[in-house]
């Protein structure tokens, strides 16, 4: 397997570069990220379709990861109940070291081959669900063991990796390989690989939510009314979609209904 993510940086003597040289060089490297994702879009699309199928049938998705990729998946998952009004537990994360210890960066836990399968078993993950492994290298033992467990249990799997022909991709039913080349700082996969992962989490969750009917036109009509800013946005959204001109009237309808989507239904009565 070509270990591109650990290959030497294309740049030398970084300590001798000026701020301008450093930022220009990092920006040059970052420009490769969307192009690499574009090349992988057919595989990304197949993974998303599989996720939508499982969730529409009543299943759940589990991201399984360690390090930067695992932590980024946590950030994506925790925002979905507010943004799209879905119940907690539809999108889940099994993070090496535990999501509750997110800020401790327990990198050593990525070598634990027992904890991932144990957590999947505790969560009663089954063939109706789907598990997506996150690993820049494509070799992380925690992730690899989890996908092997899934294969034994008949659980559909996907993955996001940044090396070609990796063991994790070989274990996944819907592998996504996004190859961005060596990192600016050799082996620092929180950079380009991390950016790939964040962009793909956004792409996956947003597309899935739209496919599940959580967006109307281009609006978050199921957004949870958790603060004044979001409530104000929702009121104006409701006014635009119903033609109600009075702000307080629209706000009263929204508060009574609990969401823009439900308010739109009430307005039709």
C-alpha atoms as a PDB file:
ATOM      1  CA  UNK A   1       0.000   0.000   0.000  1.00  0.00           C
ATOM      2  CA  UNK A   2       1.476   3.419  -0.942  1.00  0.00           C
ATOM      3  CA  UNK A   3       1.737   5.392   2.301  1.00  0.00           C
ATOM      4  CA  UNK A   4       1.299   8.828   0.761  1.00  0.00           C
ATOM      5  CA  UNK A   5       0.092  10.488   3.956  1.00  0.00           C
ATOM      6  CA  UNK A   6       3.483   9.807   5.565  1.00  0.00           C
ATOM      7  CA  UNK A   7       5.556  10.762   2.522  1.00  0.00           C
ATOM      8  CA  UNK A   8       8.050  13.641   2.919  1.00  0.00           C
ATOM      9  CA  UNK A   9       6.681  17.141   2.398  1.00  0.00           C
ATOM     10  CA  UNK A  10       7.347  18.755  -0.958  1.00  0.00           C
ATOM     11  CA  UNK A  11       8.804  21.679   0.990  1.00  0.00           C
ATOM     12  CA  UNK A  12      12.133  21.852   2.820  1.00  0.00           C
ATOM     13  CA  UNK A  13      13.578  24.009   5.598  1.00  0.00           C
ATOM     14  CA  UNK A  14      10.216  25.350   6.724  1.00  0.00           C
ATOM     15  CA  UNK A  15      11.879  27.025   9.702  1.00  0.00           C
ATOM     16  CA  UNK A  16      13.684  29.368   7.308  1.00  0.00           C
ATOM     17  CA  UNK A  17      10.516  30.529   5.539  1.00  0.00           C
ATOM     18  CA  UNK A  18       8.879  33.882   6.184  1.00  0.00           C
ATOM     19  CA  UNK A  19       5.258  34.146   7.293  1.00  0.00           C
ATOM     20  CA  UNK A  20       4.336  35.108   3.728  1.00  0.00           C
ATOM     21  CA  UNK A  21       6.131  32.097   2.271  1.00  0.00           C
ATOM     22  CA  UNK A  22       4.536  29.738   4.772  1.00  0.00           C
ATOM     23  CA  UNK A  23       0.971  30.919   4.265  1.00  0.00           C
ATOM     24  CA  UNK A  24       1.353  31.018   0.475  1.00  0.00           C
ATOM     25  CA  UNK A  25       2.725  27.472   0.440  1.00  0.00           C
ATOM     26  CA  UNK A  26       0.021  26.125   2.760  1.00  0.00           C
ATOM     27  CA  UNK A  27      -2.632  27.812   0.618  1.00  0.00           C
ATOM     28  CA  UNK A  28      -1.120  26.231  -2.489  1.00  0.00           C
ATOM     29  CA  UNK A  29      -1.379  22.800  -0.886  1.00  0.00           C
ATOM     30  CA  UNK A  30      -4.935  23.446   0.309  1.00  0.00           C
ATOM     31  CA  UNK A  31      -6.066  24.195  -3.245  1.00  0.00           C
ATOM     32  CA  UNK A  32      -5.650  20.489  -4.000  1.00  0.00           C
ATOM     33  CA  UNK A  33      -8.355  19.485  -1.525  1.00  0.00           C
ATOM     34  CA  UNK A  34     -11.565  20.271  -3.474  1.00  0.00           C
ATOM     35  CA  UNK A  35     -10.063  18.835  -6.653  1.00  0.00           C
ATOM     36  CA  UNK A  36      -9.224  15.590  -4.857  1.00  0.00           C
ATOM     37  CA  UNK A  37     -12.767  15.423  -3.498  1.00  0.00           C
ATOM     38  CA  UNK A  38     -14.149  16.059  -6.978  1.00  0.00           C
ATOM     39  CA  UNK A  39     -12.254  13.029  -8.280  1.00  0.00           C
ATOM     40  CA  UNK A  40     -13.785  10.929  -5.502  1.00  0.00           C
ATOM     41  CA  UNK A  41     -17.379  12.149  -5.954  1.00  0.00           C
ATOM     42  CA  UNK A  42     -18.676   8.945  -7.603  1.00  0.00           C
ATOM     43  CA  UNK A  43     -17.593   6.955  -4.536  1.00  0.00           C
ATOM     44  CA  UNK A  44     -18.911   9.646  -2.186  1.00  0.00           C
ATOM     45  CA  UNK A  45     -22.277   9.508  -3.946  1.00  0.00           C
ATOM     46  CA  UNK A  46     -22.521   5.739  -3.532  1.00  0.00           C
ATOM     47  CA  UNK A  47     -21.732   6.029   0.176  1.00  0.00           C
ATOM     48  CA  UNK A  48     -24.369   8.736   0.657  1.00  0.00           C
ATOM     49  CA  UNK A  49     -26.998   6.693  -1.185  1.00  0.00           C
ATOM     50  CA  UNK A  50     -26.244   3.737   1.079  1.00  0.00           C
ATOM     51  CA  UNK A  51     -26.576   5.941   4.182  1.00  0.00           C
ATOM     52  CA  UNK A  52     -29.897   7.345   2.965  1.00  0.00           C
ATOM     53  CA  UNK A  53     -31.231   3.834   2.289  1.00  0.00           C
ATOM     54  CA  UNK A  54     -30.343   2.648   5.778  1.00  0.00           C
ATOM     55  CA  UNK A  55     -31.727   5.725   7.529  1.00  0.00           C
ATOM     56  CA  UNK A  56     -34.970   5.747   5.527  1.00  0.00           C
ATOM     57  CA  UNK A  57     -35.478   2.140   6.593  1.00  0.00           C
ATOM     58  CA  UNK A  58     -35.104   3.099  10.256  1.00  0.00           C
ATOM     59  CA  UNK A  59     -31.379   2.528  10.715  1.00  0.00           C
ATOM     60  CA  UNK A  60     -28.596   4.663  12.148  1.00  0.00           C
ATOM     61  CA  UNK A  61     -25.143   5.768  11.054  1.00  0.00           C
ATOM     62  CA  UNK A  62     -22.035   5.341  13.172  1.00  0.00           C
ATOM     63  CA  UNK A  63     -18.782   7.123  12.426  1.00  0.00           C
ATOM     64  CA  UNK A  64     -15.839   5.191  13.861  1.00  0.00           C
ATOM     65  CA  UNK A  65     -12.595   7.092  14.147  1.00  0.00           C
ATOM     66  CA  UNK A  66      -9.540   8.182  16.077  1.00  0.00           C
ATOM     67  CA  UNK A  67      -7.450  11.334  16.168  1.00  0.00           C
ATOM     68  CA  UNK A  68      -8.397  14.410  14.134  1.00  0.00           C
ATOM     69  CA  UNK A  69     -10.842  12.605  11.854  1.00  0.00           C
ATOM     70  CA  UNK A  70     -12.757  11.087  14.732  1.00  0.00           C
ATOM     71  CA  UNK A  71     -12.942  14.410  16.554  1.00  0.00           C
ATOM     72  CA  UNK A  72     -14.174  16.202  13.427  1.00  0.00           C
ATOM     73  CA  UNK A  73     -16.962  13.644  13.064  1.00  0.00           C
ATOM     74  CA  UNK A  74     -18.084  14.457  16.607  1.00  0.00           C
ATOM     75  CA  UNK A  75     -18.360  18.146  15.702  1.00  0.00           C
ATOM     76  CA  UNK A  76     -20.534  17.313  12.700  1.00  0.00           C
ATOM     77  CA  UNK A  77     -22.831  14.964  14.584  1.00  0.00           C
ATOM     78  CA  UNK A  78     -23.531  17.243  17.549  1.00  0.00           C
ATOM     79  CA  UNK A  79     -24.844  20.008  15.276  1.00  0.00           C
ATOM     80  CA  UNK A  80     -27.439  17.953  13.400  1.00  0.00           C
ATOM     81  CA  UNK A  81     -30.251  17.822  16.007  1.00  0.00           C
ATOM     82  CA  UNK A  82     -30.271  21.630  16.222  1.00  0.00           C
ATOM     83  CA  UNK A  83     -29.768  22.383  12.538  1.00  0.00           C
ATOM     84  CA  UNK A  84     -32.191  19.813  11.147  1.00  0.00           C
ATOM     85  CA  UNK A  85     -34.384  18.877  14.094  1.00  0.00           C
ATOM     86  CA  UNK A  86     -33.526  15.182  13.940  1.00  0.00           C
ATOM     87  CA  UNK A  87     -33.487  13.053  17.040  1.00  0.00           C
ATOM     88  CA  UNK A  88     -30.207  12.388  18.790  1.00  0.00           C
ATOM     89  CA  UNK A  89     -28.932   8.931  17.993  1.00  0.00           C
ATOM     90  CA  UNK A  90     -29.594   9.022  14.258  1.00  0.00           C
ATOM     91  CA  UNK A  91     -25.970  10.057  13.623  1.00  0.00           C
ATOM     92  CA  UNK A  92     -23.465   8.647  16.121  1.00  0.00           C
ATOM     93  CA  UNK A  93     -19.717   8.583  16.764  1.00  0.00           C
ATOM     94  CA  UNK A  94     -17.571   5.872  18.268  1.00  0.00           C
ATOM     95  CA  UNK A  95     -14.325   7.666  19.051  1.00  0.00           C
ATOM     96  CA  UNK A  96     -11.131   5.996  20.227  1.00  0.00           C
ATOM     97  CA  UNK A  97     -10.811   7.013  23.878  1.00  0.00           C
ATOM     98  CA  UNK A  98     -14.477   8.046  24.057  1.00  0.00           C
ATOM     99  CA  UNK A  99     -16.317  11.083  22.716  1.00  0.00           C
ATOM    100  CA  UNK A 100     -16.732  12.344  26.284  1.00  0.00           C
ATOM    101  CA  UNK A 101     -12.937  12.761  26.445  1.00  0.00           C
ATOM    102  CA  UNK A 102     -12.762  14.607  23.124  1.00  0.00           C
ATOM    103  CA  UNK A 103     -10.357  17.365  24.183  1.00  0.00           C
ATOM    104  CA  UNK A 104      -7.814  14.989  25.692  1.00  0.00           C
ATOM    105  CA  UNK A 105      -6.582  13.783  22.268  1.00  0.00           C
ATOM    106  CA  UNK A 106      -5.929  10.210  23.400  1.00  0.00           C
ATOM    107  CA  UNK A 107      -3.995   9.242  20.280  1.00  0.00           C
ATOM    108  CA  UNK A 108      -2.660   6.087  21.899  1.00  0.00           C
ATOM    109  CA  UNK A 109      -6.172   4.632  21.905  1.00  0.00           C
ATOM    110  CA  UNK A 110      -6.133   4.273  18.115  1.00  0.00           C
ATOM    111  CA  UNK A 111      -4.225   1.009  18.601  1.00  0.00           C
ATOM    112  CA  UNK A 112      -7.038  -0.544  20.688  1.00  0.00           C
ATOM    113  CA  UNK A 113      -8.573  -3.307  18.563  1.00  0.00           C
ATOM    114  CA  UNK A 114     -11.216  -4.336  21.107  1.00  0.00           C
ATOM    115  CA  UNK A 115     -12.968  -1.110  22.064  1.00  0.00           C
ATOM    116  CA  UNK A 116     -14.552  -0.291  18.703  1.00  0.00           C
ATOM    117  CA  UNK A 117     -16.291  -3.674  18.323  1.00  0.00           C
ATOM    118  CA  UNK A 118     -17.264  -3.549  21.998  1.00  0.00           C
ATOM    119  CA  UNK A 119     -18.900  -0.138  21.595  1.00  0.00           C
ATOM    120  CA  UNK A 120     -20.717  -1.217  18.432  1.00  0.00           C
ATOM    121  CA  UNK A 121     -22.034  -4.221  20.304  1.00  0.00           C
ATOM    122  CA  UNK A 122     -23.137  -2.039  23.238  1.00  0.00           C
ATOM    123  CA  UNK A 123     -24.966   0.236  20.805  1.00  0.00           C
ATOM    124  CA  UNK A 124     -26.633  -2.867  19.318  1.00  0.00           C
ATOM    125  CA  UNK A 125     -25.441  -1.926  15.838  1.00  0.00           C
ATOM    126  CA  UNK A 126     -26.852  -4.344  13.311  1.00  0.00           C
ATOM    127  CA  UNK A 127     -27.468  -4.965   9.598  1.00  0.00           C
ATOM    128  CA  UNK A 128     -30.060  -2.182   9.528  1.00  0.00           C
ATOM    129  CA  UNK A 129     -27.413   0.397  10.422  1.00  0.00           C
ATOM    130  CA  UNK A 130     -24.306   1.594   8.584  1.00  0.00           C
ATOM    131  CA  UNK A 131     -20.802   2.206   9.951  1.00  0.00           C
ATOM    132  CA  UNK A 132     -18.308   4.589   8.342  1.00  0.00           C
ATOM    133  CA  UNK A 133     -14.647   4.297   9.318  1.00  0.00           C
ATOM    134  CA  UNK A 134     -12.501   7.445   9.367  1.00  0.00           C
ATOM    135  CA  UNK A 135      -8.746   7.064   8.945  1.00  0.00           C
ATOM    136  CA  UNK A 136      -6.319   9.242   6.998  1.00  0.00           C
ATOM    137  CA  UNK A 137      -3.778   6.440   6.748  1.00  0.00           C
ATOM    138  CA  UNK A 138      -6.344   3.727   6.056  1.00  0.00           C
ATOM    139  CA  UNK A 139      -4.598   1.508   8.587  1.00  0.00           C
ATOM    140  CA  UNK A 140      -5.767   2.684  12.045  1.00  0.00           C
ATOM    141  CA  UNK A 141      -6.198  -0.524  14.115  1.00  0.00           C
ATOM    142  CA  UNK A 142      -9.201   0.836  16.064  1.00  0.00           C
ATOM    143  CA  UNK A 143     -11.066   1.529  12.817  1.00  0.00           C
ATOM    144  CA  UNK A 144      -9.907  -1.573  10.976  1.00  0.00           C
ATOM    145  CA  UNK A 145     -11.002  -3.888  13.799  1.00  0.00           C
ATOM    146  CA  UNK A 146     -14.390  -2.161  13.899  1.00  0.00           C
ATOM    147  CA  UNK A 147     -14.998  -2.674  10.179  1.00  0.00           C
ATOM    148  CA  UNK A 148     -13.920  -6.301  10.423  1.00  0.00           C
ATOM    149  CA  UNK A 149     -16.445  -6.770  13.225  1.00  0.00           C
ATOM    150  CA  UNK A 150     -19.111  -5.181  11.025  1.00  0.00           C
ATOM    151  CA  UNK A 151     -18.346  -7.563   8.185  1.00  0.00           C
ATOM    152  CA  UNK A 152     -18.747 -10.504  10.572  1.00  0.00           C
ATOM    153  CA  UNK A 153     -22.087  -9.118  11.755  1.00  0.00           C
ATOM    154  CA  UNK A 154     -23.399  -8.267   8.297  1.00  0.00           C
ATOM    155  CA  UNK A 155     -23.399  -4.515   8.973  1.00  0.00           C
ATOM    156  CA  UNK A 156     -22.895  -2.324   5.864  1.00  0.00           C
ATOM    157  CA  UNK A 157     -19.778  -0.161   5.985  1.00  0.00           C
ATOM    158  CA  UNK A 158     -18.099   2.760   4.313  1.00  0.00           C
ATOM    159  CA  UNK A 159     -14.856   4.599   4.928  1.00  0.00           C
ATOM    160  CA  UNK A 160     -13.013   7.841   4.287  1.00  0.00           C
ATOM    161  CA  UNK A 161      -9.273   7.371   3.787  1.00  0.00           C
ATOM    162  CA  UNK A 162      -6.425   9.284   2.135  1.00  0.00           C
ATOM    163  CA  UNK A 163      -4.151   6.467   0.962  1.00  0.00           C
ATOM    164  CA  UNK A 164      -4.959   4.204  -1.988  1.00  0.00           C
ATOM    165  CA  UNK A 165      -5.478   0.451  -1.614  1.00  0.00           C
ATOM    166  CA  UNK A 166      -5.587   0.541   2.192  1.00  0.00           C
ATOM    167  CA  UNK A 167      -6.669  -2.310   4.505  1.00  0.00           C
ATOM    168  CA  UNK A 168      -9.599  -0.229   5.768  1.00  0.00           C
ATOM    169  CA  UNK A 169     -10.845   0.462   2.234  1.00  0.00           C
ATOM    170  CA  UNK A 170     -10.596  -3.266   1.513  1.00  0.00           C
ATOM    171  CA  UNK A 171     -12.931  -3.949   4.459  1.00  0.00           C
ATOM    172  CA  UNK A 172     -15.507  -1.325   3.442  1.00  0.00           C
ATOM    173  CA  UNK A 173     -18.514  -1.892   1.203  1.00  0.00           C
ATOM    174  CA  UNK A 174     -18.489   1.754   0.128  1.00  0.00           C
ATOM    175  CA  UNK A 175     -14.887   3.016   0.312  1.00  0.00           C
ATOM    176  CA  UNK A 176     -14.056   6.650  -0.333  1.00  0.00           C
ATOM    177  CA  UNK A 177     -10.399   7.362  -1.107  1.00  0.00           C
ATOM    178  CA  UNK A 178      -9.452  11.043  -1.341  1.00  0.00           C
ATOM    179  CA  UNK A 179      -5.765  11.348  -2.193  1.00  0.00           C
ATOM    180  CA  UNK A 180      -4.232  14.774  -1.567  1.00  0.00           C
ATOM    181  CA  UNK A 181      -0.537  13.869  -1.502  1.00  0.00           C
ATOM    182  CA  UNK A 182       2.075  14.549   1.204  1.00  0.00           C
ATOM    183  CA  UNK A 183       1.234  17.030   3.946  1.00  0.00           C
ATOM    184  CA  UNK A 184       2.940  20.429   4.191  1.00  0.00           C
ATOM    185  CA  UNK A 185       4.485  19.309   7.482  1.00  0.00           C
ATOM    186  CA  UNK A 186       5.420  15.676   6.898  1.00  0.00           C
ATOM    187  CA  UNK A 187       2.819  13.335   8.383  1.00  0.00           C
ATOM    188  CA  UNK A 188       0.640  16.111   9.865  1.00  0.00           C
ATOM    189  CA  UNK A 189      -2.628  14.647   8.625  1.00  0.00           C
ATOM    190  CA  UNK A 190      -4.695  17.147  10.583  1.00  0.00           C
ATOM    191  CA  UNK A 191      -3.973  19.497   7.667  1.00  0.00           C
ATOM    192  CA  UNK A 192      -5.064  18.418   4.171  1.00  0.00           C
ATOM    193  CA  UNK A 193      -6.489  15.081   5.292  1.00  0.00           C
ATOM    194  CA  UNK A 194      -8.374  16.785   8.121  1.00  0.00           C
ATOM    195  CA  UNK A 195      -9.769  19.370   5.720  1.00  0.00           C
ATOM    196  CA  UNK A 196     -10.923  16.590   3.404  1.00  0.00           C
ATOM    197  CA  UNK A 197     -12.684  14.885   6.293  1.00  0.00           C
ATOM    198  CA  UNK A 198     -14.428  18.083   7.438  1.00  0.00           C
ATOM    199  CA  UNK A 199     -15.610  18.868   3.913  1.00  0.00           C
ATOM    200  CA  UNK A 200     -16.902  15.335   3.435  1.00  0.00           C
ATOM    201  CA  UNK A 201     -18.727  15.316   6.776  1.00  0.00           C
ATOM    202  CA  UNK A 202     -20.467  18.535   5.705  1.00  0.00           C
ATOM    203  CA  UNK A 203     -21.264  17.068   2.290  1.00  0.00           C
ATOM    204  CA  UNK A 204     -22.544  13.765   3.654  1.00  0.00           C
ATOM    205  CA  UNK A 205     -24.706  15.071   6.487  1.00  0.00           C
ATOM    206  CA  UNK A 206     -26.164  17.963   4.462  1.00  0.00           C
ATOM    207  CA  UNK A 207     -27.034  15.759   1.490  1.00  0.00           C
ATOM    208  CA  UNK A 208     -28.508  13.075   3.737  1.00  0.00           C
ATOM    209  CA  UNK A 209     -30.645  15.615   5.612  1.00  0.00           C
ATOM    210  CA  UNK A 210     -31.969  17.048   2.341  1.00  0.00           C
ATOM    211  CA  UNK A 211     -32.737  13.547   1.073  1.00  0.00           C
ATOM    212  CA  UNK A 212     -34.591  12.827   4.327  1.00  0.00           C
ATOM    213  CA  UNK A 213     -36.820  15.853   3.805  1.00  0.00           C
ATOM    214  CA  UNK A 214     -35.308  18.111   6.455  1.00  0.00           C
ATOM    215  CA  UNK A 215     -34.878  21.046   4.030  1.00  0.00           C
ATOM    216  CA  UNK A 216     -37.573  22.895   2.084  1.00  0.00           C
ATOM    217  CA  UNK A 217     -36.354  24.837  -0.936  1.00  0.00           C
ATOM    218  CA  UNK A 218     -33.043  26.045   0.546  1.00  0.00           C
ATOM    219  CA  UNK A 219     -34.212  26.547   4.137  1.00  0.00           C
ATOM    220  CA  UNK A 220     -33.709  24.736   7.443  1.00  0.00           C
ATOM    221  CA  UNK A 221     -37.416  24.448   8.184  1.00  0.00           C
ATOM    222  CA  UNK A 222     -36.846  21.950  11.005  1.00  0.00           C
ATOM    223  CA  UNK A 223     -34.242  24.040  12.859  1.00  0.00           C
ATOM    224  CA  UNK A 224     -34.586  23.869  16.649  1.00  0.00           C
ATOM    225  CA  UNK A 225     -35.581  27.180  18.232  1.00  0.00           C
ATOM    226  CA  UNK A 226     -32.813  27.223  20.814  1.00  0.00           C
ATOM    227  CA  UNK A 227     -31.896  30.923  20.978  1.00  0.00           C
ATOM    228  CA  UNK A 228     -33.030  34.378  19.915  1.00  0.00           C
ATOM    229  CA  UNK A 229     -30.881  34.497  16.767  1.00  0.00           C
ATOM    230  CA  UNK A 230     -32.230  31.219  15.413  1.00  0.00           C
ATOM    231  CA  UNK A 231     -35.794  32.071  16.403  1.00  0.00           C
ATOM    232  CA  UNK A 232     -35.542  35.404  14.586  1.00  0.00           C
ATOM    233  CA  UNK A 233     -34.167  33.647  11.502  1.00  0.00           C
ATOM    234  CA  UNK A 234     -37.015  31.132  11.673  1.00  0.00           C
ATOM    235  CA  UNK A 235     -39.640  33.869  12.002  1.00  0.00           C
ATOM    236  CA  UNK A 236     -38.333  35.624   8.899  1.00  0.00           C
ATOM    237  CA  UNK A 237     -38.181  32.299   7.075  1.00  0.00           C
ATOM    238  CA  UNK A 238     -41.820  31.685   7.973  1.00  0.00           C
ATOM    239  CA  UNK A 239     -42.830  35.173   6.839  1.00  0.00           C
ATOM    240  CA  UNK A 240     -41.111  34.677   3.492  1.00  0.00           C
ATOM    241  CA  UNK A 241     -42.741  31.304   2.881  1.00  0.00           C
ATOM    242  CA  UNK A 242     -46.271  32.220   4.002  1.00  0.00           C
ATOM    243  CA  UNK A 243     -46.531  35.845   2.974  1.00  0.00           C
ATOM    244  CA  UNK A 244     -47.381  36.854   6.555  1.00  0.00           C
ATOM    245  CA  UNK A 245     -46.304  40.477   6.860  1.00  0.00           C
ATOM    246  CA  UNK A 246     -46.638  40.949  10.623  1.00  0.00           C
ATOM    247  CA  UNK A 247     -43.538  39.798  12.551  1.00  0.00           C
ATOM    248  CA  UNK A 248     -45.355  39.179  15.853  1.00  0.00           C
ATOM    249  CA  UNK A 249     -48.103  37.213  14.138  1.00  0.00           C
ATOM    250  CA  UNK A 250     -45.507  34.997  12.458  1.00  0.00           C
ATOM    251  CA  UNK A 251     -43.579  34.601  15.720  1.00  0.00           C
ATOM    252  CA  UNK A 252     -46.698  33.572  17.635  1.00  0.00           C
ATOM    253  CA  UNK A 253     -47.505  30.980  14.980  1.00  0.00           C
ATOM    254  CA  UNK A 254     -43.936  29.684  15.059  1.00  0.00           C
ATOM    255  CA  UNK A 255     -43.798  29.399  18.849  1.00  0.00           C
ATOM    256  CA  UNK A 256     -47.168  27.645  18.928  1.00  0.00           C
ATOM    257  CA  UNK A 257     -46.062  25.167  16.270  1.00  0.00           C
ATOM    258  CA  UNK A 258     -42.495  24.611  17.472  1.00  0.00           C
ATOM    259  CA  UNK A 259     -40.833  24.684  14.064  1.00  0.00           C
ATOM    260  CA  UNK A 260     -41.141  26.377  10.695  1.00  0.00           C
ATOM    261  CA  UNK A 261     -42.216  23.104   9.100  1.00  0.00           C
ATOM    262  CA  UNK A 262     -45.077  22.595  11.551  1.00  0.00           C
ATOM    263  CA  UNK A 263     -46.020  26.264  11.343  1.00  0.00           C
ATOM    264  CA  UNK A 264     -46.348  25.948   7.568  1.00  0.00           C
ATOM    265  CA  UNK A 265     -48.713  23.033   8.075  1.00  0.00           C
ATOM    266  CA  UNK A 266     -50.775  25.002  10.590  1.00  0.00           C
ATOM    267  CA  UNK A 267     -50.941  27.970   8.240  1.00  0.00           C
ATOM    268  CA  UNK A 268     -52.576  25.778   5.590  1.00  0.00           C
ATOM    269  CA  UNK A 269     -55.457  24.830   7.904  1.00  0.00           C
END
